[in-house]
Amino acid sequence: MTLVRWDPFRDLATLHDRFNQVLSADSDSVEDRHGDWAPPVDIFERGDELILRAELPGLKTEDIDIRVENGKLVLRGERKQDKQTDDTKVYRLERVYGTFTRRFALPTSVDSSKISAAYTNGVLEVTLPKADEAKERKVEIKVA
C-alpha cells in the first residue's frame, strides 16, 4: 500500500485552472457557442469538400439559419418548447429549449459561394466545397 499525501487545495487549484480556461477563451476562437444550448457538431473532410453535421432533432427548416459572415460559418436556430395546457401534468423536463448560435472559422480553401445544406431526420449536413485552387492536383514534369 502506498501513502499519498493529502493536499486540501489540489481540487481548488484544478477548479481555478478550469475557470481561467473558460474566462480566457477569446471570442474569435475557431468555435463560438452562444445561446441557451449548443447542438453537437461533427466536422470532417470527404474528397474535395468539408462536411459539417449538426444534430438538430425536432427543429423545422424555418427554425434554422445558416450564414457566412466575416469568414465564419454561422449556424443559428431555436428549439421551441411544446405548449402546455392547463390540464397537463409535467413530471420531468430534460430536453433543452431556446436559441443557439455556433460559429466556425472557414478555411481559406473553402469556396463560400458554393456552400449547400440538407436537413434529414434531425441532422443538418452543410457541405463546404474546396476552391479549385485548394484542390490537390498532380503537377506534370516536362522533359527539357
C-alpha atoms as a PDB file:
ATOM      1  CA  MET A   1       0.000   0.000   0.000  1.00  0.00           C
ATOM      2  CA  THR A   2       1.363   3.405  -0.947  1.00  0.00           C
ATOM      3  CA  LEU A   3       0.821   6.504   1.064  1.00  0.00           C
ATOM      4  CA  VAL A   4      -0.420   9.572  -0.766  1.00  0.00           C
ATOM      5  CA  ARG A   5      -0.087  12.957   0.813  1.00  0.00           C
ATOM      6  CA  TRP A   6      -3.437  14.683   1.019  1.00  0.00           C
ATOM      7  CA  ASP A   7      -3.492  18.184  -0.399  1.00  0.00           C
ATOM      8  CA  PRO A   8      -6.703  20.007   0.529  1.00  0.00           C
ATOM      9  CA  PHE A   9      -6.061  22.733  -2.080  1.00  0.00           C
ATOM     10  CA  ARG A  10      -5.446  20.441  -5.076  1.00  0.00           C
ATOM     11  CA  ASP A  11      -9.122  20.333  -6.100  1.00  0.00           C
ATOM     12  CA  LEU A  12      -9.395  24.077  -5.583  1.00  0.00           C
ATOM     13  CA  ALA A  13      -6.394  24.658  -7.858  1.00  0.00           C
ATOM     14  CA  THR A  14      -7.921  22.416 -10.531  1.00  0.00           C
ATOM     15  CA  LEU A  15     -11.187  24.337 -10.327  1.00  0.00           C
ATOM     16  CA  HIS A  16      -9.274  27.615 -10.556  1.00  0.00           C
ATOM     17  CA  ASP A  17      -7.433  26.423 -13.683  1.00  0.00           C
ATOM     18  CA  ARG A  18     -10.665  25.355 -15.370  1.00  0.00           C
ATOM     19  CA  PHE A  19     -12.332  28.655 -14.502  1.00  0.00           C
ATOM     20  CA  ASN A  20      -9.392  30.556 -16.003  1.00  0.00           C
ATOM     21  CA  GLN A  21      -9.614  28.482 -19.204  1.00  0.00           C
ATOM     22  CA  VAL A  22     -13.264  29.428 -19.603  1.00  0.00           C
ATOM     23  CA  LEU A  23     -12.626  33.120 -18.997  1.00  0.00           C
ATOM     24  CA  SER A  24      -9.552  33.317 -21.210  1.00  0.00           C
ATOM     25  CA  ALA A  25     -11.290  31.838 -24.267  1.00  0.00           C
ATOM     26  CA  ASP A  26     -11.330  34.627 -26.822  1.00  0.00           C
ATOM     27  CA  SER A  27     -14.411  35.344 -28.911  1.00  0.00           C
ATOM     28  CA  ASP A  28     -12.511  34.779 -32.172  1.00  0.00           C
ATOM     29  CA  SER A  29     -11.758  31.144 -31.429  1.00  0.00           C
ATOM     30  CA  VAL A  30     -12.468  28.536 -34.080  1.00  0.00           C
ATOM     31  CA  GLU A  31     -15.718  27.631 -32.399  1.00  0.00           C
ATOM     32  CA  ASP A  32     -18.012  30.060 -30.587  1.00  0.00           C
ATOM     33  CA  ARG A  33     -21.093  28.970 -28.678  1.00  0.00           C
ATOM     34  CA  HIS A  34     -23.871  31.338 -27.704  1.00  0.00           C
ATOM     35  CA  GLY A  35     -27.435  30.843 -26.578  1.00  0.00           C
ATOM     36  CA  ASP A  36     -29.365  28.581 -24.289  1.00  0.00           C
ATOM     37  CA  TRP A  37     -27.838  25.392 -25.690  1.00  0.00           C
ATOM     38  CA  ALA A  38     -25.351  24.209 -28.308  1.00  0.00           C
ATOM     39  CA  PRO A  39     -26.075  21.350 -30.717  1.00  0.00           C
ATOM     40  CA  PRO A  40     -23.305  18.769 -31.081  1.00  0.00           C
ATOM     41  CA  VAL A  41     -21.382  19.037 -34.355  1.00  0.00           C
ATOM     42  CA  ASP A  42     -19.066  16.750 -36.349  1.00  0.00           C
ATOM     43  CA  ILE A  43     -16.716  18.235 -38.948  1.00  0.00           C
ATOM     44  CA  PHE A  44     -14.788  16.043 -41.350  1.00  0.00           C
ATOM     45  CA  GLU A  45     -13.258  16.034 -44.821  1.00  0.00           C
ATOM     46  CA  ARG A  46     -14.664  13.909 -47.632  1.00  0.00           C
ATOM     47  CA  GLY A  47     -12.933  14.137 -51.002  1.00  0.00           C
ATOM     48  CA  ASP A  48     -12.808  17.764 -52.150  1.00  0.00           C
ATOM     49  CA  GLU A  49     -15.190  19.107 -49.508  1.00  0.00           C
ATOM     50  CA  LEU A  50     -15.576  19.640 -45.789  1.00  0.00           C
ATOM     51  CA  ILE A  51     -18.739  18.340 -44.162  1.00  0.00           C
ATOM     52  CA  LEU A  52     -20.335  19.774 -41.035  1.00  0.00           C
ATOM     53  CA  ARG A  53     -23.079  17.671 -39.414  1.00  0.00           C
ATOM     54  CA  ALA A  54     -25.169  19.083 -36.584  1.00  0.00           C
ATOM     55  CA  GLU A  55     -27.760  17.209 -34.530  1.00  0.00           C
ATOM     56  CA  LEU A  56     -30.933  19.311 -34.510  1.00  0.00           C
ATOM     57  CA  PRO A  57     -33.780  16.930 -33.675  1.00  0.00           C
ATOM     58  CA  GLY A  58     -37.233  18.424 -33.501  1.00  0.00           C
ATOM     59  CA  LEU A  59     -36.405  21.581 -35.431  1.00  0.00           C
ATOM     60  CA  LYS A  60     -38.096  22.681 -38.631  1.00  0.00           C
ATOM     61  CA  THR A  61     -36.068  24.093 -41.514  1.00  0.00           C
ATOM     62  CA  GLU A  62     -37.605  27.520 -40.910  1.00  0.00           C
ATOM     63  CA  ASP A  63     -36.149  27.428 -37.356  1.00  0.00           C
ATOM     64  CA  ILE A  64     -32.574  27.064 -38.719  1.00  0.00           C
ATOM     65  CA  ASP A  65     -30.478  29.884 -40.184  1.00  0.00           C
ATOM     66  CA  ILE A  66     -27.108  29.357 -41.906  1.00  0.00           C
ATOM     67  CA  ARG A  67     -24.980  32.321 -42.988  1.00  0.00           C
ATOM     68  CA  VAL A  68     -21.429  33.210 -43.930  1.00  0.00           C
ATOM     69  CA  GLU A  69     -20.282  36.310 -42.020  1.00  0.00           C
ATOM     70  CA  ASN A  70     -16.744  37.715 -41.894  1.00  0.00           C
ATOM     71  CA  GLY A  71     -15.084  34.455 -42.876  1.00  0.00           C
ATOM     72  CA  LYS A  72     -17.151  32.373 -40.459  1.00  0.00           C
ATOM     73  CA  LEU A  73     -19.964  29.898 -40.971  1.00  0.00           C
ATOM     74  CA  VAL A  74     -22.728  30.909 -38.550  1.00  0.00           C
ATOM     75  CA  LEU A  75     -25.367  28.360 -37.555  1.00  0.00           C
ATOM     76  CA  ARG A  76     -28.335  29.779 -35.619  1.00  0.00           C
ATOM     77  CA  GLY A  77     -31.646  28.361 -34.587  1.00  0.00           C
ATOM     78  CA  GLU A  78     -34.276  27.894 -31.971  1.00  0.00           C
ATOM     79  CA  ARG A  79     -35.910  24.852 -30.461  1.00  0.00           C
ATOM     80  CA  LYS A  80     -39.357  25.857 -29.269  1.00  0.00           C
ATOM     81  CA  GLN A  81     -40.971  24.197 -26.286  1.00  0.00           C
ATOM     82  CA  ASP A  82     -44.267  22.395 -26.782  1.00  0.00           C
ATOM     83  CA  LYS A  83     -47.173  24.392 -25.433  1.00  0.00           C
ATOM     84  CA  GLN A  84     -48.594  23.017 -22.212  1.00  0.00           C
ATOM     85  CA  THR A  85     -52.319  23.128 -21.498  1.00  0.00           C
ATOM     86  CA  ASP A  86     -53.909  23.713 -18.097  1.00  0.00           C
ATOM     87  CA  ASP A  87     -54.660  20.009 -17.625  1.00  0.00           C
ATOM     88  CA  THR A  88     -51.070  18.937 -18.434  1.00  0.00           C
ATOM     89  CA  LYS A  89     -49.094  17.463 -15.551  1.00  0.00           C
ATOM     90  CA  VAL A  90     -45.352  17.623 -16.141  1.00  0.00           C
ATOM     91  CA  TYR A  91     -43.229  15.088 -14.285  1.00  0.00           C
ATOM     92  CA  ARG A  92     -39.835  15.737 -15.860  1.00  0.00           C
ATOM     93  CA  LEU A  93     -38.396  18.098 -18.493  1.00  0.00           C
ATOM     94  CA  GLU A  94     -34.882  17.149 -19.633  1.00  0.00           C
ATOM     95  CA  ARG A  95     -34.783  18.398 -23.210  1.00  0.00           C
ATOM     96  CA  VAL A  96     -33.165  21.764 -23.793  1.00  0.00           C
ATOM     97  CA  TYR A  97     -35.106  24.569 -25.465  1.00  0.00           C
ATOM     98  CA  GLY A  98     -34.249  28.040 -26.660  1.00  0.00           C
ATOM     99  CA  THR A  99     -31.886  29.690 -29.082  1.00  0.00           C
ATOM    100  CA  PHE A 100     -28.406  28.684 -30.134  1.00  0.00           C
ATOM    101  CA  THR A 101     -25.593  30.138 -32.219  1.00  0.00           C
ATOM    102  CA  ARG A 102     -22.482  28.281 -33.347  1.00  0.00           C
ATOM    103  CA  ARG A 103     -19.669  29.968 -35.305  1.00  0.00           C
ATOM    104  CA  PHE A 104     -16.950  28.154 -37.216  1.00  0.00           C
ATOM    105  CA  ALA A 105     -13.959  29.811 -38.880  1.00  0.00           C
ATOM    106  CA  LEU A 106     -13.908  28.967 -42.569  1.00  0.00           C
ATOM    107  CA  PRO A 107     -10.560  27.912 -44.001  1.00  0.00           C
ATOM    108  CA  THR A 108      -9.409  29.997 -46.949  1.00  0.00           C
ATOM    109  CA  SER A 109      -9.566  26.827 -49.034  1.00  0.00           C
ATOM    110  CA  VAL A 110     -13.413  26.789 -48.896  1.00  0.00           C
ATOM    111  CA  ASP A 111     -15.421  28.307 -51.758  1.00  0.00           C
ATOM    112  CA  SER A 112     -18.099  30.077 -49.701  1.00  0.00           C
ATOM    113  CA  SER A 113     -20.248  30.800 -52.779  1.00  0.00           C
ATOM    114  CA  LYS A 114     -20.891  27.059 -53.256  1.00  0.00           C
ATOM    115  CA  ILE A 115     -21.871  26.097 -49.689  1.00  0.00           C
ATOM    116  CA  SER A 116     -25.017  23.955 -49.543  1.00  0.00           C
ATOM    117  CA  ALA A 117     -27.079  22.353 -46.776  1.00  0.00           C
ATOM    118  CA  ALA A 118     -29.533  19.472 -46.383  1.00  0.00           C
ATOM    119  CA  TYR A 119     -31.683  18.574 -43.370  1.00  0.00           C
ATOM    120  CA  THR A 120     -32.774  14.955 -42.963  1.00  0.00           C
ATOM    121  CA  ASN A 121     -34.100  13.100 -39.901  1.00  0.00           C
ATOM    122  CA  GLY A 122     -32.958  15.788 -37.466  1.00  0.00           C
ATOM    123  CA  VAL A 123     -29.414  16.016 -38.845  1.00  0.00           C
ATOM    124  CA  LEU A 124     -28.251  19.121 -40.689  1.00  0.00           C
ATOM    125  CA  GLU A 125     -25.443  18.469 -43.175  1.00  0.00           C
ATOM    126  CA  VAL A 126     -23.599  21.509 -44.510  1.00  0.00           C
ATOM    127  CA  THR A 127     -21.293  20.865 -47.472  1.00  0.00           C
ATOM    128  CA  LEU A 128     -18.334  23.217 -47.818  1.00  0.00           C
ATOM    129  CA  PRO A 129     -16.643  22.612 -51.197  1.00  0.00           C
ATOM    130  CA  LYS A 130     -12.979  23.463 -51.574  1.00  0.00           C
ATOM    131  CA  ALA A 131     -11.986  26.163 -54.037  1.00  0.00           C
ATOM    132  CA  ASP A 132     -10.382  24.923 -57.257  1.00  0.00           C
ATOM    133  CA  GLU A 133      -7.057  26.473 -56.227  1.00  0.00           C
ATOM    134  CA  ALA A 134      -7.069  24.445 -52.988  1.00  0.00           C
ATOM    135  CA  LYS A 135      -7.790  21.063 -54.560  1.00  0.00           C
ATOM    136  CA  GLU A 136      -4.976  18.609 -54.787  1.00  0.00           C
ATOM    137  CA  ARG A 137      -3.584  18.195 -58.278  1.00  0.00           C
ATOM    138  CA  LYS A 138      -0.691  16.400 -59.861  1.00  0.00           C
ATOM    139  CA  VAL A 139       1.991  18.514 -61.497  1.00  0.00           C
ATOM    140  CA  GLU A 140       3.493  17.062 -64.646  1.00  0.00           C
ATOM    141  CA  ILE A 141       7.230  17.094 -65.072  1.00  0.00           C
ATOM    142  CA  LYS A 142       8.308  18.094 -68.576  1.00  0.00           C
ATOM    143  CA  VAL A 143      11.493  16.814 -70.061  1.00  0.00           C
ATOM    144  CA  ALA A 144      13.654  19.601 -71.471  1.00  0.00           C
END
